[in-house]
Every structure is written in C-alpha cells, then in structure tokens.
Amino acid sequence: MYPTEFPEENDHGYETCLTLTDEQNRTLECYVEHTLNVEGQEYVLLLPVDSPIEIFAYDDDDEAFLVEDDDILEEIFSNAEAVLQEHDLVLKNTAYALTVAGELPPEDENKICTLEMDDGEEDQLLEIATFSHNDQQYAIYTPLDPLLFFARINKKGEPELLSPEEFNKFKPLLEEFLFDEVEE
C-alpha cells in the first residue's frame, strides 16, 4: 500500500512529547508512541500524558449516556473537579478529551463496565467516581484501552490530526502494525 518505515521498538522511555491543539486553542500534551514515514511525510502515533476520562449521565431507567454537550460539561465541570480531587486527581479541560492528572485507582472488577459501540466493538471503562448535579446522577470513567491519536507533522514541526477521510486511509496500516506489536 505505502512504503513505510517504523522505528525500532519504542522503549517507552517517552523522551519525546508533542502538544496537540484544538480549534478552541486547548492543548493536550502527548507522548510520541511511534513514528511512521510514508512517502517522505512524517506521522506520529500519540498517547496522552494524562489519563482520558468520559462523563456519563443516567436517565430515569438507569441507562447511561455519554455527556458530549459542551454547555453541560461546563456546567458540571466544577462538581466533577471536586469529586476527582477527593481521589487525588486533577481534572483538565484539554483538547480532544477531558483528562485527569494523578494516579488512577486500581482496576476493580465491580467498577468495570462494557460499552457497546455503534461499530460492534466493545470498550471497557473503569468507574473512577460518581456525583450528582441538579438531581442528575453522573459517573466518571476512564477507558481501559489507551486513547491514541494519529497525526502528521506539519512544516512547522507541529502535529496535526488527520481528517476522518485521511485517517481511514491509514487505518489498515496502523491496525496491522499495532496487531503485530501486541503479538510480540
């Protein structure tokens, strides 16, 4: 498909960090997990320095739904921040995902839930904390699988996330590479 060059295994010393910036000028500090050269263009697979989180709300039937509305997130942010501080975690409103700095609690089977995605895949999430705001119940989760970003390095040496169309071109190559790495 593409002539590719992957570096030797990353020793996960994470000597290199890059910062992603979104349209609202929020930043997300990331470790460079791997680099990839395709036809003279450098691409990077990035792993956030801090742990990503997701906030879910519960309806009257105890069905959970992901809170994605920026206005609601802004409204509940201080409550989420306070409950996470009780766990020695610092909530950050970073680019592309909310994150927390600090040591996550150990995995507890009773606090793991499985979320079925639209594409048939499943994500496992670890509940970190719960809280309520205006009689609405919320839960804060972190994914058990790492959140990875794939970006190209622009002429200024900065990472730029690929469009969904561009990412789809690279997805088979990335999946093959990541699958091979897991098998080793």
Protein backbone atom coordinates (compact mmCIF):
# COMPACT_ATOMS: atom_id res chain seq x y z
CA MET A 1 0.00 0.00 0.00
CA TYR A 2 2.56 2.62 1.19
CA PRO A 3 6.31 2.33 1.62
CA THR A 4 6.60 2.51 5.39
CA GLU A 5 9.33 2.72 7.91
CA PHE A 6 8.64 2.05 11.57
CA PRO A 7 11.35 2.73 14.11
CA GLU A 8 12.86 0.15 16.35
CA GLU A 9 10.67 -0.77 19.30
CA ASN A 10 9.97 2.22 21.49
CA ASP A 11 11.47 1.58 24.91
CA HIS A 12 8.60 3.64 26.34
CA GLY A 13 11.06 5.99 27.96
CA TYR A 14 8.94 8.67 26.31
CA GLU A 15 11.74 11.12 25.73
CA THR A 16 9.65 12.94 23.13
CA CYS A 17 6.41 14.81 23.80
CA LEU A 18 4.30 16.80 21.37
CA THR A 19 1.33 19.05 22.02
CA LEU A 20 -1.94 18.77 20.11
CA THR A 21 -4.02 21.97 19.90
CA ASP A 22 -7.72 22.09 19.01
CA GLU A 23 -9.83 24.81 17.37
CA GLN A 24 -10.56 26.36 20.80
CA ASN A 25 -6.81 26.63 21.48
CA ARG A 26 -6.93 23.98 24.21
CA THR A 27 -3.87 21.75 24.34
CA LEU A 28 -3.19 18.09 25.01
CA GLU A 29 0.34 17.02 25.91
CA CYS A 30 1.16 13.61 24.36
CA TYR A 31 4.00 11.13 24.34
CA VAL A 32 5.21 10.04 20.92
CA GLU A 33 4.40 6.34 20.93
CA HIS A 34 5.67 5.65 17.39
CA THR A 35 6.67 7.48 14.26
CA LEU A 36 5.89 6.47 10.70
CA ASN A 37 7.32 7.79 7.45
CA VAL A 38 5.12 7.48 4.38
CA GLU A 39 6.31 8.87 1.06
CA GLY A 40 8.51 11.44 2.82
CA GLN A 41 5.80 12.62 5.24
CA GLU A 42 6.28 12.02 8.98
CA TYR A 43 3.32 10.77 11.02
CA VAL A 44 3.13 10.10 14.75
CA LEU A 45 1.05 7.89 16.99
CA LEU A 46 0.43 9.85 20.18
CA LEU A 47 -0.54 8.78 23.70
CA PRO A 48 -1.85 11.48 26.08
CA VAL A 49 0.38 12.17 29.10
CA ASP A 50 -2.66 12.41 31.37
CA SER A 51 -5.45 9.82 31.55
CA PRO A 52 -8.55 10.46 29.43
CA ILE A 53 -11.93 10.40 31.11
CA GLU A 54 -15.54 10.35 30.00
CA ILE A 55 -18.55 11.56 31.94
CA PHE A 56 -21.84 9.71 31.68
CA ALA A 57 -25.27 10.78 32.89
CA TYR A 58 -28.01 8.39 33.96
CA ASP A 59 -31.63 8.67 32.88
CA ASP A 60 -34.66 7.63 34.95
CA ASP A 61 -34.22 3.98 33.85
CA ASP A 62 -30.56 3.94 34.98
CA GLU A 63 -29.44 3.89 31.35
CA ALA A 64 -26.14 5.72 30.90
CA PHE A 65 -25.40 8.13 28.08
CA LEU A 66 -22.19 9.98 27.29
CA VAL A 67 -22.25 13.71 28.08
CA GLU A 68 -20.92 15.40 24.94
CA ASP A 69 -22.66 18.78 25.11
CA ASP A 70 -20.06 21.46 25.90
CA ASP A 71 -22.60 23.57 27.80
CA ILE A 72 -23.50 20.68 30.12
CA LEU A 73 -19.83 19.79 30.59
CA GLU A 74 -19.09 23.39 31.51
CA GLU A 75 -22.00 23.41 33.97
CA ILE A 76 -20.90 20.21 35.78
CA PHE A 77 -17.13 20.74 35.48
CA SER A 78 -16.63 22.18 38.98
CA ASN A 79 -18.58 19.30 40.58
CA ALA A 80 -16.58 16.73 38.61
CA GLU A 81 -13.38 18.55 39.53
CA ALA A 82 -14.26 18.48 43.25
CA VAL A 83 -15.15 14.78 43.33
CA LEU A 84 -11.95 13.90 41.46
CA GLN A 85 -9.86 15.95 43.89
CA GLU A 86 -11.15 13.62 46.63
CA HIS A 87 -9.32 10.86 44.70
CA ASP A 88 -6.15 12.97 44.34
CA LEU A 89 -6.88 13.54 40.65
CA VAL A 90 -6.80 16.88 38.83
CA LEU A 91 -9.42 17.33 36.10
CA LYS A 92 -8.25 19.13 32.96
CA ASN A 93 -10.32 20.50 30.09
CA THR A 94 -7.82 19.53 27.40
CA ALA A 95 -8.03 19.34 23.62
CA TYR A 96 -10.00 16.41 22.17
CA ALA A 97 -10.72 14.79 25.56
CA LEU A 98 -11.14 15.59 29.21
CA THR A 99 -8.17 14.24 31.15
CA VAL A 100 -7.03 13.75 34.73
CA ALA A 101 -3.56 14.06 36.16
CA GLY A 102 -2.65 11.77 39.02
CA GLU A 103 -2.67 8.09 39.81
CA LEU A 104 -5.83 6.28 38.77
CA PRO A 105 -7.38 3.80 41.19
CA PRO A 106 -6.52 0.13 40.65
CA GLU A 107 -8.82 -1.90 38.42
CA ASP A 108 -11.75 -3.33 40.36
CA GLU A 109 -13.96 -5.82 38.50
CA ASN A 110 -17.01 -4.38 40.25
CA LYS A 111 -16.26 -0.95 38.77
CA ILE A 112 -15.65 -2.06 35.17
CA CYS A 113 -18.43 -1.68 32.63
CA THR A 114 -18.52 -2.68 28.99
CA LEU A 115 -19.84 -0.21 26.46
CA GLU A 116 -21.03 -1.50 23.08
CA MET A 117 -20.08 0.84 20.25
CA ASP A 118 -22.08 1.50 17.08
CA ASP A 119 -19.50 -0.40 15.01
CA GLY A 120 -19.95 -3.57 17.09
CA GLU A 121 -16.72 -3.06 19.05
CA GLU A 122 -16.72 -3.00 22.82
CA ASP A 123 -14.94 -0.58 25.14
CA GLN A 124 -14.23 -1.38 28.75
CA LEU A 125 -14.35 1.52 31.16
CA LEU A 126 -13.32 1.85 34.81
CA GLU A 127 -15.54 3.93 37.05
CA ILE A 128 -13.49 6.47 38.97
CA ALA A 129 -16.17 8.49 40.75
CA THR A 130 -19.83 9.44 40.81
CA PHE A 131 -21.58 12.69 41.68
CA SER A 132 -24.88 14.48 41.26
CA HIS A 133 -25.72 17.91 39.94
CA ASN A 134 -29.25 19.40 39.91
CA ASP A 135 -30.75 15.98 40.76
CA GLN A 136 -28.94 14.36 37.81
CA GLN A 137 -26.58 11.44 38.52
CA TYR A 138 -23.20 11.32 36.76
CA ALA A 139 -20.33 8.86 36.66
CA ILE A 140 -16.74 9.50 35.60
CA TYR A 141 -14.98 6.69 33.74
CA THR A 142 -11.60 6.13 32.17
CA PRO A 143 -11.15 3.73 29.23
CA LEU A 144 -9.05 0.66 29.97
CA ASP A 145 -7.63 0.71 26.43
CA PRO A 146 -5.28 3.58 25.66
CA LEU A 147 -6.59 6.59 23.78
CA LEU A 148 -4.30 7.12 20.80
CA PHE A 149 -4.14 9.95 18.28
CA PHE A 150 -2.64 9.77 14.81
CA ALA A 151 -1.22 12.98 13.37
CA ARG A 152 1.01 14.26 10.61
CA ILE A 153 3.92 16.54 11.40
CA ASN A 154 3.45 19.83 9.54
CA LYS A 155 6.17 22.10 8.12
CA LYS A 156 6.43 23.90 11.48
CA GLY A 157 7.17 20.59 13.20
CA GLU A 158 3.76 20.55 14.92
CA PRO A 159 1.33 17.61 14.98
CA GLU A 160 -1.95 17.97 13.08
CA LEU A 161 -4.70 15.39 13.48
CA LEU A 162 -5.79 13.79 10.24
CA SER A 163 -9.28 14.27 8.88
CA PRO A 164 -11.52 11.19 9.21
CA GLU A 165 -11.06 10.50 5.49
CA GLU A 166 -7.26 10.70 5.75
CA PHE A 167 -7.26 8.54 8.87
CA ASN A 168 -9.32 5.85 7.09
CA LYS A 169 -6.53 5.51 4.50
CA PHE A 170 -4.02 4.75 7.26
CA LYS A 171 -6.28 2.67 9.50
CA PRO A 172 -5.42 -0.73 7.95
CA LEU A 173 -1.70 0.03 8.17
CA LEU A 174 -2.00 1.14 11.80
CA GLU A 175 -4.13 -1.85 12.76
CA GLU A 176 -1.61 -4.22 11.18
CA PHE A 177 1.27 -2.51 12.96
CA LEU A 178 -0.48 -2.42 16.34
CA PHE A 179 -1.67 -6.01 15.98
CA ASP A 180 1.87 -7.17 15.17
CA GLU A 181 3.19 -5.28 18.21
CA VAL A 182 0.65 -6.91 20.55
CA GLU A 183 1.64 -10.38 19.33
CA GLU A 184 5.34 -9.82 20.10
